[in-house]
Amino acid sequence: MPRRYSNPRKESRALGAVQIIVGLFHFALGILCSQLFLEDGNAGIGSLPVLIVLTYAFCSTPFFITSGSVSVETQRKPTHHKLIAAIVMNIISTCLATLGTISLSIFSITYESIADDYDWSHLAGSMLLQFLLFSAITELVITNIVIDWFVTAVTQVPNDEEAVSLRIEEIPCPIDSSAE
């Protein structure tokens, strides 16, 4: 008989939907960053940091959306393979969110306006970097929570299996070996 797994928490479906929304939000912020940093000629953070920010925004999006989708599907019908896939995808998303949090926090701190007067493009660039940073932190927190819930679901035995195993162990043996 195949092993049954305890159902992950119902909230993992909602957190999976939040992961999908964060992925779409990253993609939209990546488009806005590309418009601001590449087409408007904003050189406030340099060419290499712009390339890193845009690469992170566009490359992390599919992983965030996929990990959210796998989390939602795993909560609906948990199997061993789905639970393992959800854990692996959320670990990859955690690594990407950690990398993004570190790099975006460095770029947000070092982002400076070149002009001395009020320049809306530099303020908008700073705001976009901070929004990307906050959404990366949100993804990091959510993936850690979901990983914990799914690992608990994999390692925990459902209640009905415990009852079956206890009932089998409590059956008295009809052959008494002490009678001989």
N, C-alpha and C. Protein backbone atom coordinates (compact mmCIF):
# COMPACT_ATOMS: atom_id res chain seq x y z
N MET A 1 0.84 -1.17 0.00
CA MET A 1 0.00 0.00 0.00
C MET A 1 0.88 1.24 0.00
N PRO A 2 0.68 2.19 -0.93
CA PRO A 2 1.53 3.37 -0.98
C PRO A 2 1.32 4.23 0.26
N ARG A 3 2.38 4.86 0.65
CA ARG A 3 2.33 5.71 1.84
C ARG A 3 1.55 6.97 1.56
N ARG A 4 0.68 7.33 2.48
CA ARG A 4 -0.08 8.57 2.37
C ARG A 4 0.64 9.64 3.17
N TYR A 5 0.52 10.86 2.74
CA TYR A 5 1.15 11.98 3.42
C TYR A 5 0.08 12.85 4.01
N SER A 6 0.44 13.47 5.12
CA SER A 6 -0.53 14.38 5.72
C SER A 6 -0.67 15.60 4.83
N ASN A 7 -1.85 16.15 4.80
CA ASN A 7 -2.10 17.30 3.94
C ASN A 7 -1.33 18.51 4.44
N PRO A 8 -0.71 19.23 3.52
CA PRO A 8 -0.07 20.49 3.93
C PRO A 8 -1.14 21.47 4.40
N ARG A 9 -0.71 22.47 5.10
CA ARG A 9 -1.66 23.45 5.61
C ARG A 9 -2.41 24.11 4.47
N LYS A 10 -3.67 24.42 4.72
CA LYS A 10 -4.52 25.04 3.69
C LYS A 10 -3.99 26.40 3.28
N GLU A 11 -3.27 27.07 4.17
CA GLU A 11 -2.73 28.39 3.86
C GLU A 11 -1.64 28.35 2.79
N SER A 12 -1.08 27.15 2.54
CA SER A 12 -0.02 27.05 1.52
C SER A 12 -0.57 27.36 0.14
N ARG A 13 -1.85 27.13 -0.07
CA ARG A 13 -2.46 27.48 -1.36
C ARG A 13 -2.49 29.01 -1.52
N ALA A 14 -2.84 29.71 -0.45
CA ALA A 14 -2.87 31.18 -0.51
C ALA A 14 -1.46 31.74 -0.66
N LEU A 15 -0.49 31.15 0.04
CA LEU A 15 0.88 31.62 -0.11
C LEU A 15 1.44 31.31 -1.50
N GLY A 16 1.00 30.22 -2.11
CA GLY A 16 1.38 29.94 -3.49
C GLY A 16 0.84 30.99 -4.44
N ALA A 17 -0.39 31.43 -4.20
CA ALA A 17 -0.96 32.50 -5.02
C ALA A 17 -0.19 33.81 -4.82
N VAL A 18 0.24 34.06 -3.60
CA VAL A 18 1.04 35.27 -3.34
C VAL A 18 2.38 35.17 -4.06
N GLN A 19 2.97 33.97 -4.11
CA GLN A 19 4.22 33.80 -4.84
C GLN A 19 4.04 34.10 -6.33
N ILE A 20 2.91 33.69 -6.89
CA ILE A 20 2.64 33.98 -8.30
C ILE A 20 2.51 35.48 -8.51
N ILE A 21 1.81 36.15 -7.61
CA ILE A 21 1.62 37.61 -7.72
C ILE A 21 2.96 38.33 -7.57
N VAL A 22 3.80 37.87 -6.64
CA VAL A 22 5.13 38.49 -6.48
C VAL A 22 5.96 38.31 -7.74
N GLY A 23 5.85 37.12 -8.38
CA GLY A 23 6.56 36.90 -9.64
C GLY A 23 6.10 37.84 -10.74
N LEU A 24 4.79 38.04 -10.85
CA LEU A 24 4.27 38.98 -11.84
C LEU A 24 4.67 40.42 -11.51
N PHE A 25 4.70 40.74 -10.22
CA PHE A 25 5.12 42.07 -9.77
C PHE A 25 6.59 42.30 -10.12
N HIS A 26 7.42 41.26 -9.95
CA HIS A 26 8.83 41.36 -10.34
C HIS A 26 8.97 41.64 -11.84
N PHE A 27 8.18 40.94 -12.63
CA PHE A 27 8.24 41.14 -14.07
C PHE A 27 7.85 42.56 -14.45
N ALA A 28 6.77 43.07 -13.84
CA ALA A 28 6.33 44.44 -14.13
C ALA A 28 7.38 45.46 -13.69
N LEU A 29 7.99 45.24 -12.53
CA LEU A 29 9.04 46.15 -12.08
C LEU A 29 10.27 46.06 -12.97
N GLY A 30 10.55 44.87 -13.50
CA GLY A 30 11.66 44.72 -14.44
C GLY A 30 11.42 45.51 -15.72
N ILE A 31 10.19 45.50 -16.21
CA ILE A 31 9.86 46.29 -17.40
C ILE A 31 10.02 47.79 -17.11
N LEU A 32 9.54 48.22 -15.96
CA LEU A 32 9.68 49.64 -15.59
C LEU A 32 11.15 50.02 -15.42
N CYS A 33 11.94 49.14 -14.82
CA CYS A 33 13.37 49.42 -14.67
C CYS A 33 14.06 49.49 -16.03
N SER A 34 13.70 48.61 -16.93
CA SER A 34 14.33 48.66 -18.25
C SER A 34 13.95 49.94 -18.98
N GLN A 35 12.70 50.38 -18.83
CA GLN A 35 12.30 51.64 -19.45
C GLN A 35 13.08 52.81 -18.85
N LEU A 36 13.21 52.82 -17.55
CA LEU A 36 13.86 53.95 -16.89
C LEU A 36 15.36 53.93 -17.05
N PHE A 37 16.00 52.78 -16.80
CA PHE A 37 17.46 52.73 -16.80
C PHE A 37 18.07 52.64 -18.20
N LEU A 38 17.41 51.97 -19.13
CA LEU A 38 18.01 51.77 -20.45
C LEU A 38 17.57 52.83 -21.46
N GLU A 39 16.28 53.11 -21.51
CA GLU A 39 15.80 54.00 -22.56
C GLU A 39 15.88 55.47 -22.19
N ASP A 40 15.78 55.79 -20.91
CA ASP A 40 15.88 57.19 -20.52
C ASP A 40 17.31 57.62 -20.25
N GLY A 41 18.26 56.69 -20.29
CA GLY A 41 19.66 57.04 -20.11
C GLY A 41 20.02 57.37 -18.68
N ASN A 42 19.33 56.80 -17.71
CA ASN A 42 19.61 57.05 -16.31
C ASN A 42 20.85 56.26 -15.93
N ALA A 43 21.93 56.96 -15.60
CA ALA A 43 23.18 56.29 -15.25
C ALA A 43 23.48 56.43 -13.77
N GLY A 44 22.48 56.42 -12.94
CA GLY A 44 22.67 56.63 -11.51
C GLY A 44 23.35 55.48 -10.80
N ILE A 45 23.22 54.27 -11.30
CA ILE A 45 23.84 53.15 -10.61
C ILE A 45 24.90 52.46 -11.47
N GLY A 46 25.14 52.89 -12.67
CA GLY A 46 26.16 52.29 -13.51
C GLY A 46 25.59 51.20 -14.41
N SER A 47 26.38 50.79 -15.40
CA SER A 47 25.88 49.83 -16.39
C SER A 47 25.86 48.40 -15.86
N LEU A 48 26.85 47.99 -15.08
CA LEU A 48 26.86 46.63 -14.55
C LEU A 48 25.73 46.41 -13.54
N PRO A 49 25.51 47.30 -12.57
CA PRO A 49 24.37 47.10 -11.68
C PRO A 49 23.02 47.11 -12.39
N VAL A 50 22.88 47.91 -13.44
CA VAL A 50 21.63 47.91 -14.21
C VAL A 50 21.43 46.55 -14.85
N LEU A 51 22.48 45.99 -15.41
CA LEU A 51 22.41 44.67 -16.03
C LEU A 51 22.06 43.60 -15.00
N ILE A 52 22.65 43.69 -13.81
CA ILE A 52 22.37 42.71 -12.75
C ILE A 52 20.93 42.84 -12.28
N VAL A 53 20.44 44.06 -12.08
CA VAL A 53 19.06 44.28 -11.61
C VAL A 53 18.06 43.76 -12.64
N LEU A 54 18.29 44.08 -13.91
CA LEU A 54 17.36 43.62 -14.95
C LEU A 54 17.40 42.11 -15.12
N THR A 55 18.60 41.52 -15.07
CA THR A 55 18.72 40.07 -15.19
C THR A 55 18.01 39.40 -14.02
N TYR A 56 18.20 39.93 -12.82
CA TYR A 56 17.52 39.35 -11.66
C TYR A 56 16.00 39.47 -11.78
N ALA A 57 15.52 40.63 -12.17
CA ALA A 57 14.07 40.84 -12.25
C ALA A 57 13.42 39.91 -13.27
N PHE A 58 14.07 39.72 -14.40
CA PHE A 58 13.47 38.89 -15.44
C PHE A 58 13.74 37.39 -15.25
N CYS A 59 14.88 37.01 -14.68
CA CYS A 59 15.19 35.58 -14.51
C CYS A 59 14.53 34.98 -13.27
N SER A 60 14.26 35.79 -12.26
CA SER A 60 13.62 35.25 -11.06
C SER A 60 12.12 35.05 -11.25
N THR A 61 11.53 35.77 -12.18
CA THR A 61 10.08 35.71 -12.40
C THR A 61 9.57 34.30 -12.69
N PRO A 62 10.16 33.54 -13.63
CA PRO A 62 9.63 32.19 -13.88
C PRO A 62 9.76 31.26 -12.68
N PHE A 63 10.82 31.42 -11.89
CA PHE A 63 10.99 30.56 -10.73
C PHE A 63 9.95 30.88 -9.65
N PHE A 64 9.67 32.16 -9.44
CA PHE A 64 8.68 32.55 -8.44
C PHE A 64 7.28 32.07 -8.85
N ILE A 65 6.95 32.22 -10.13
CA ILE A 65 5.64 31.79 -10.61
C ILE A 65 5.53 30.27 -10.56
N THR A 66 6.58 29.56 -10.96
CA THR A 66 6.55 28.10 -10.94
C THR A 66 6.47 27.55 -9.52
N SER A 67 7.24 28.13 -8.60
CA SER A 67 7.18 27.63 -7.22
C SER A 67 5.81 27.89 -6.61
N GLY A 68 5.19 29.02 -6.95
CA GLY A 68 3.83 29.28 -6.47
C GLY A 68 2.83 28.31 -7.06
N SER A 69 2.95 28.03 -8.35
CA SER A 69 2.02 27.09 -9.00
C SER A 69 2.17 25.68 -8.45
N VAL A 70 3.40 25.24 -8.24
CA VAL A 70 3.63 23.91 -7.68
C VAL A 70 3.11 23.84 -6.24
N SER A 71 3.26 24.92 -5.49
CA SER A 71 2.75 24.94 -4.11
C SER A 71 1.23 24.83 -4.08
N VAL A 72 0.56 25.53 -4.98
CA VAL A 72 -0.90 25.46 -5.04
C VAL A 72 -1.35 24.06 -5.41
N GLU A 73 -0.73 23.47 -6.41
CA GLU A 73 -1.12 22.13 -6.87
C GLU A 73 -0.80 21.07 -5.81
N THR A 74 0.31 21.24 -5.12
CA THR A 74 0.68 20.27 -4.09
C THR A 74 -0.30 20.29 -2.93
N GLN A 75 -0.81 21.45 -2.59
CA GLN A 75 -1.77 21.53 -1.49
C GLN A 75 -3.09 20.86 -1.88
N ARG A 76 -3.43 20.93 -3.15
CA ARG A 76 -4.69 20.33 -3.60
C ARG A 76 -4.65 18.81 -3.51
N LYS A 77 -3.61 18.20 -4.07
CA LYS A 77 -3.49 16.73 -4.10
C LYS A 77 -2.06 16.36 -3.75
N PRO A 78 -1.75 16.21 -2.46
CA PRO A 78 -0.35 15.93 -2.09
C PRO A 78 0.07 14.50 -2.39
N THR A 79 1.14 14.36 -3.14
CA THR A 79 1.81 13.08 -3.34
C THR A 79 3.28 13.29 -3.01
N HIS A 80 4.01 12.19 -2.94
CA HIS A 80 5.43 12.30 -2.60
C HIS A 80 6.18 13.14 -3.62
N HIS A 81 5.93 12.89 -4.90
CA HIS A 81 6.65 13.61 -5.95
C HIS A 81 6.29 15.10 -5.96
N LYS A 82 5.03 15.41 -5.74
CA LYS A 82 4.62 16.82 -5.71
C LYS A 82 5.20 17.55 -4.51
N LEU A 83 5.23 16.87 -3.36
CA LEU A 83 5.82 17.51 -2.18
C LEU A 83 7.30 17.76 -2.37
N ILE A 84 8.02 16.80 -2.94
CA ILE A 84 9.45 16.98 -3.19
C ILE A 84 9.67 18.07 -4.23
N ALA A 85 8.87 18.09 -5.29
CA ALA A 85 9.00 19.14 -6.31
C ALA A 85 8.72 20.52 -5.72
N ALA A 86 7.73 20.62 -4.86
CA ALA A 86 7.41 21.90 -4.23
C ALA A 86 8.55 22.35 -3.33
N ILE A 87 9.14 21.41 -2.59
CA ILE A 87 10.26 21.76 -1.72
C ILE A 87 11.45 22.23 -2.54
N VAL A 88 11.77 21.51 -3.62
CA VAL A 88 12.92 21.88 -4.47
C VAL A 88 12.69 23.24 -5.14
N MET A 89 11.51 23.46 -5.70
CA MET A 89 11.24 24.74 -6.36
C MET A 89 11.28 25.91 -5.36
N ASN A 90 10.77 25.68 -4.16
CA ASN A 90 10.80 26.74 -3.16
C ASN A 90 12.22 26.98 -2.64
N ILE A 91 13.06 25.95 -2.60
CA ILE A 91 14.46 26.16 -2.23
C ILE A 91 15.17 26.98 -3.29
N ILE A 92 14.92 26.68 -4.56
CA ILE A 92 15.52 27.47 -5.64
C ILE A 92 15.04 28.92 -5.56
N SER A 93 13.75 29.12 -5.31
CA SER A 93 13.22 30.48 -5.17
C SER A 93 13.81 31.19 -3.96
N THR A 94 14.06 30.44 -2.89
CA THR A 94 14.70 31.03 -1.71
C THR A 94 16.11 31.49 -2.04
N CYS A 95 16.85 30.69 -2.78
CA CYS A 95 18.21 31.07 -3.17
C CYS A 95 18.19 32.32 -4.05
N LEU A 96 17.28 32.36 -5.01
CA LEU A 96 17.17 33.53 -5.88
C LEU A 96 16.73 34.77 -5.10
N ALA A 97 15.79 34.61 -4.18
CA ALA A 97 15.34 35.75 -3.39
C ALA A 97 16.45 36.24 -2.46
N THR A 98 17.25 35.33 -1.92
CA THR A 98 18.39 35.74 -1.09
C THR A 98 19.42 36.50 -1.91
N LEU A 99 19.73 35.98 -3.07
CA LEU A 99 20.67 36.67 -3.97
C LEU A 99 20.15 38.05 -4.35
N GLY A 100 18.85 38.12 -4.67
CA GLY A 100 18.24 39.40 -5.02
C GLY A 100 18.21 40.37 -3.86
N THR A 101 17.94 39.87 -2.65
CA THR A 101 17.91 40.74 -1.48
C THR A 101 19.27 41.34 -1.22
N ILE A 102 20.30 40.53 -1.32
CA ILE A 102 21.67 41.03 -1.08
C ILE A 102 22.06 42.06 -2.14
N SER A 103 21.89 41.70 -3.41
CA SER A 103 22.33 42.62 -4.47
C SER A 103 21.47 43.89 -4.51
N LEU A 104 20.16 43.75 -4.34
CA LEU A 104 19.30 44.94 -4.39
C LEU A 104 19.51 45.85 -3.19
N SER A 105 19.83 45.28 -2.04
CA SER A 105 20.11 46.15 -0.89
C SER A 105 21.41 46.92 -1.10
N ILE A 106 22.41 46.28 -1.70
CA ILE A 106 23.65 47.00 -2.02
C ILE A 106 23.39 48.09 -3.05
N PHE A 107 22.63 47.78 -4.10
CA PHE A 107 22.36 48.78 -5.13
C PHE A 107 21.47 49.91 -4.62
N SER A 108 20.55 49.59 -3.71
CA SER A 108 19.69 50.65 -3.16
C SER A 108 20.48 51.60 -2.28
N ILE A 109 21.45 51.06 -1.55
CA ILE A 109 22.27 51.92 -0.69
C ILE A 109 23.22 52.78 -1.51
N THR A 110 23.80 52.20 -2.55
CA THR A 110 24.80 52.94 -3.33
C THR A 110 24.20 53.80 -4.44
N TYR A 111 22.90 53.70 -4.64
CA TYR A 111 22.26 54.49 -5.70
C TYR A 111 22.24 55.95 -5.28
N GLU A 112 22.87 56.78 -6.08
CA GLU A 112 22.94 58.20 -5.78
C GLU A 112 22.60 59.00 -7.03
N SER A 113 22.02 60.11 -6.79
CA SER A 113 21.71 61.01 -7.89
C SER A 113 22.96 61.80 -8.26
N ILE A 114 23.20 61.91 -9.55
CA ILE A 114 24.35 62.67 -10.02
C ILE A 114 24.06 64.17 -9.97
N ALA A 115 22.85 64.52 -10.29
CA ALA A 115 22.48 65.94 -10.32
C ALA A 115 22.27 66.46 -8.90
N ASP A 116 22.50 67.79 -8.74
CA ASP A 116 22.33 68.41 -7.43
C ASP A 116 20.88 68.84 -7.19
N ASP A 117 20.15 69.06 -8.26
CA ASP A 117 18.77 69.50 -8.09
C ASP A 117 17.81 68.30 -8.18
N TYR A 118 16.54 68.58 -8.05
CA TYR A 118 15.49 67.57 -8.06
C TYR A 118 15.41 66.94 -9.45
N ASP A 119 15.59 65.65 -9.50
CA ASP A 119 15.51 64.91 -10.76
C ASP A 119 14.59 63.71 -10.53
N TRP A 120 13.45 63.73 -11.20
CA TRP A 120 12.44 62.70 -10.96
C TRP A 120 12.91 61.32 -11.37
N SER A 121 13.76 61.21 -12.39
CA SER A 121 14.18 59.88 -12.85
C SER A 121 15.07 59.19 -11.82
N HIS A 122 15.89 59.94 -11.11
CA HIS A 122 16.71 59.32 -10.07
C HIS A 122 15.86 58.89 -8.87
N LEU A 123 14.88 59.69 -8.54
CA LEU A 123 13.98 59.31 -7.45
C LEU A 123 13.14 58.09 -7.84
N ALA A 124 12.68 58.05 -9.09
CA ALA A 124 11.91 56.91 -9.57
C ALA A 124 12.79 55.65 -9.61
N GLY A 125 14.04 55.80 -10.00
CA GLY A 125 14.96 54.66 -10.02
C GLY A 125 15.20 54.11 -8.62
N SER A 126 15.38 55.01 -7.66
CA SER A 126 15.55 54.59 -6.27
C SER A 126 14.30 53.88 -5.76
N MET A 127 13.13 54.40 -6.11
CA MET A 127 11.88 53.80 -5.68
C MET A 127 11.70 52.40 -6.30
N LEU A 128 12.03 52.24 -7.57
CA LEU A 128 11.92 50.94 -8.23
C LEU A 128 12.85 49.91 -7.59
N LEU A 129 14.07 50.33 -7.27
CA LEU A 129 15.00 49.41 -6.61
C LEU A 129 14.47 48.98 -5.24
N GLN A 130 13.87 49.92 -4.51
CA GLN A 130 13.33 49.58 -3.19
C GLN A 130 12.11 48.67 -3.31
N PHE A 131 11.27 48.89 -4.31
CA PHE A 131 10.12 47.99 -4.52
C PHE A 131 10.59 46.58 -4.87
N LEU A 132 11.60 46.47 -5.72
CA LEU A 132 12.15 45.15 -6.03
C LEU A 132 12.73 44.50 -4.78
N LEU A 133 13.40 45.30 -3.95
CA LEU A 133 13.98 44.77 -2.72
C LEU A 133 12.89 44.26 -1.78
N PHE A 134 11.83 45.02 -1.60
CA PHE A 134 10.75 44.59 -0.70
C PHE A 134 10.02 43.36 -1.23
N SER A 135 9.85 43.27 -2.53
CA SER A 135 9.19 42.07 -3.07
C SER A 135 10.12 40.86 -2.99
N ALA A 136 11.44 41.05 -3.10
CA ALA A 136 12.37 39.93 -2.92
C ALA A 136 12.35 39.44 -1.47
N ILE A 137 12.27 40.37 -0.53
CA ILE A 137 12.18 39.98 0.89
C ILE A 137 10.87 39.24 1.15
N THR A 138 9.78 39.71 0.53
CA THR A 138 8.49 39.04 0.68
C THR A 138 8.56 37.61 0.15
N GLU A 139 9.15 37.43 -1.00
CA GLU A 139 9.30 36.08 -1.57
C GLU A 139 10.17 35.21 -0.68
N LEU A 140 11.21 35.77 -0.10
CA LEU A 140 12.10 35.03 0.78
C LEU A 140 11.36 34.52 2.01
N VAL A 141 10.56 35.38 2.61
CA VAL A 141 9.80 34.98 3.80
C VAL A 141 8.76 33.92 3.45
N ILE A 142 8.05 34.12 2.35
CA ILE A 142 6.99 33.18 1.96
C ILE A 142 7.56 31.80 1.63
N THR A 143 8.66 31.76 0.90
CA THR A 143 9.24 30.46 0.53
C THR A 143 9.74 29.72 1.75
N ASN A 144 10.29 30.42 2.72
CA ASN A 144 10.74 29.74 3.94
C ASN A 144 9.57 29.14 4.71
N ILE A 145 8.46 29.85 4.77
CA ILE A 145 7.27 29.33 5.45
C ILE A 145 6.73 28.10 4.72
N VAL A 146 6.63 28.19 3.40
CA VAL A 146 6.08 27.08 2.61
C VAL A 146 6.99 25.86 2.68
N ILE A 147 8.30 26.06 2.64
CA ILE A 147 9.23 24.93 2.76
C ILE A 147 9.03 24.23 4.10
N ASP A 148 8.90 25.00 5.16
CA ASP A 148 8.70 24.40 6.48
C ASP A 148 7.41 23.57 6.52
N TRP A 149 6.33 24.08 5.96
CA TRP A 149 5.07 23.36 5.95
C TRP A 149 5.14 22.08 5.13
N PHE A 150 5.80 22.14 3.97
CA PHE A 150 5.87 20.95 3.13
C PHE A 150 6.82 19.90 3.71
N VAL A 151 7.91 20.32 4.33
CA VAL A 151 8.80 19.36 4.98
C VAL A 151 8.08 18.67 6.13
N THR A 152 7.29 19.43 6.87
CA THR A 152 6.47 18.84 7.94
C THR A 152 5.48 17.84 7.37
N ALA A 153 4.89 18.17 6.24
CA ALA A 153 3.92 17.24 5.61
C ALA A 153 4.60 15.97 5.14
N VAL A 154 5.83 16.05 4.68
CA VAL A 154 6.55 14.85 4.21
C VAL A 154 6.94 13.96 5.39
N THR A 155 7.40 14.57 6.48
CA THR A 155 7.91 13.77 7.59
C THR A 155 6.83 13.32 8.56
N GLN A 156 5.67 13.92 8.51
CA GLN A 156 4.60 13.59 9.44
C GLN A 156 3.74 12.46 8.88
N VAL A 157 3.40 11.50 9.72
CA VAL A 157 2.53 10.40 9.32
C VAL A 157 1.09 10.82 9.58
N PRO A 158 0.19 10.58 8.64
CA PRO A 158 -1.21 10.94 8.88
C PRO A 158 -1.79 10.17 10.06
N ASN A 159 -2.78 10.72 10.70
CA ASN A 159 -3.36 10.14 11.91
C ASN A 159 -3.97 8.76 11.67
N ASP A 160 -4.62 8.54 10.53
CA ASP A 160 -5.25 7.25 10.29
C ASP A 160 -4.23 6.13 10.13
N GLU A 161 -3.01 6.44 9.61
CA GLU A 161 -1.98 5.42 9.50
C GLU A 161 -1.44 5.05 10.88
N GLU A 162 -1.32 6.02 11.78
CA GLU A 162 -0.86 5.72 13.13
C GLU A 162 -1.86 4.79 13.82
N ALA A 163 -3.13 5.04 13.63
CA ALA A 163 -4.16 4.21 14.24
C ALA A 163 -4.10 2.79 13.69
N VAL A 164 -3.88 2.64 12.39
CA VAL A 164 -3.80 1.30 11.79
C VAL A 164 -2.59 0.57 12.33
N SER A 165 -1.44 1.22 12.41
CA SER A 165 -0.24 0.56 12.90
C SER A 165 -0.38 0.19 14.37
N LEU A 166 -1.05 1.03 15.17
CA LEU A 166 -1.26 0.70 16.56
C LEU A 166 -2.20 -0.49 16.71
N ARG A 167 -3.23 -0.53 15.90
CA ARG A 167 -4.16 -1.65 15.97
C ARG A 167 -3.49 -2.96 15.60
N ILE A 168 -2.61 -2.97 14.65
CA ILE A 168 -1.93 -4.19 14.24
C ILE A 168 -1.00 -4.66 15.35
N GLU A 169 -0.31 -3.75 16.02
CA GLU A 169 0.61 -4.12 17.08
C GLU A 169 -0.11 -4.61 18.33
N GLU A 170 -1.34 -4.19 18.55
CA GLU A 170 -2.09 -4.56 19.74
C GLU A 170 -2.86 -5.87 19.60
N ILE A 171 -2.85 -6.49 18.45
CA ILE A 171 -3.56 -7.76 18.25
C ILE A 171 -2.82 -8.85 19.02
N PRO A 172 -3.53 -9.56 19.89
CA PRO A 172 -2.85 -10.61 20.66
C PRO A 172 -2.49 -11.80 19.76
N CYS A 173 -1.43 -12.39 20.07
CA CYS A 173 -0.96 -13.54 19.31
C CYS A 173 -1.66 -14.80 19.84
N PRO A 174 -2.33 -15.58 18.96
CA PRO A 174 -3.05 -16.75 19.41
C PRO A 174 -2.13 -17.90 19.83
N ILE A 175 -0.92 -17.89 19.40
CA ILE A 175 0.03 -18.95 19.74
C ILE A 175 0.80 -18.50 20.97
N ASP A 176 0.64 -19.23 22.01
CA ASP A 176 1.32 -18.90 23.25
C ASP A 176 2.58 -19.74 23.33
N SER A 177 3.71 -19.13 23.31
CA SER A 177 4.98 -19.85 23.33
C SER A 177 5.35 -20.32 24.73
N SER A 178 4.73 -19.78 25.76
CA SER A 178 5.07 -20.18 27.12
C SER A 178 4.41 -21.48 27.53
N ALA A 179 3.45 -21.99 26.75
CA ALA A 179 2.73 -23.23 27.09
C ALA A 179 3.57 -24.46 26.88
N GLU A 180 4.64 -24.39 26.16
CA GLU A 180 5.44 -25.56 25.85
C GLU A 180 6.32 -25.98 26.95
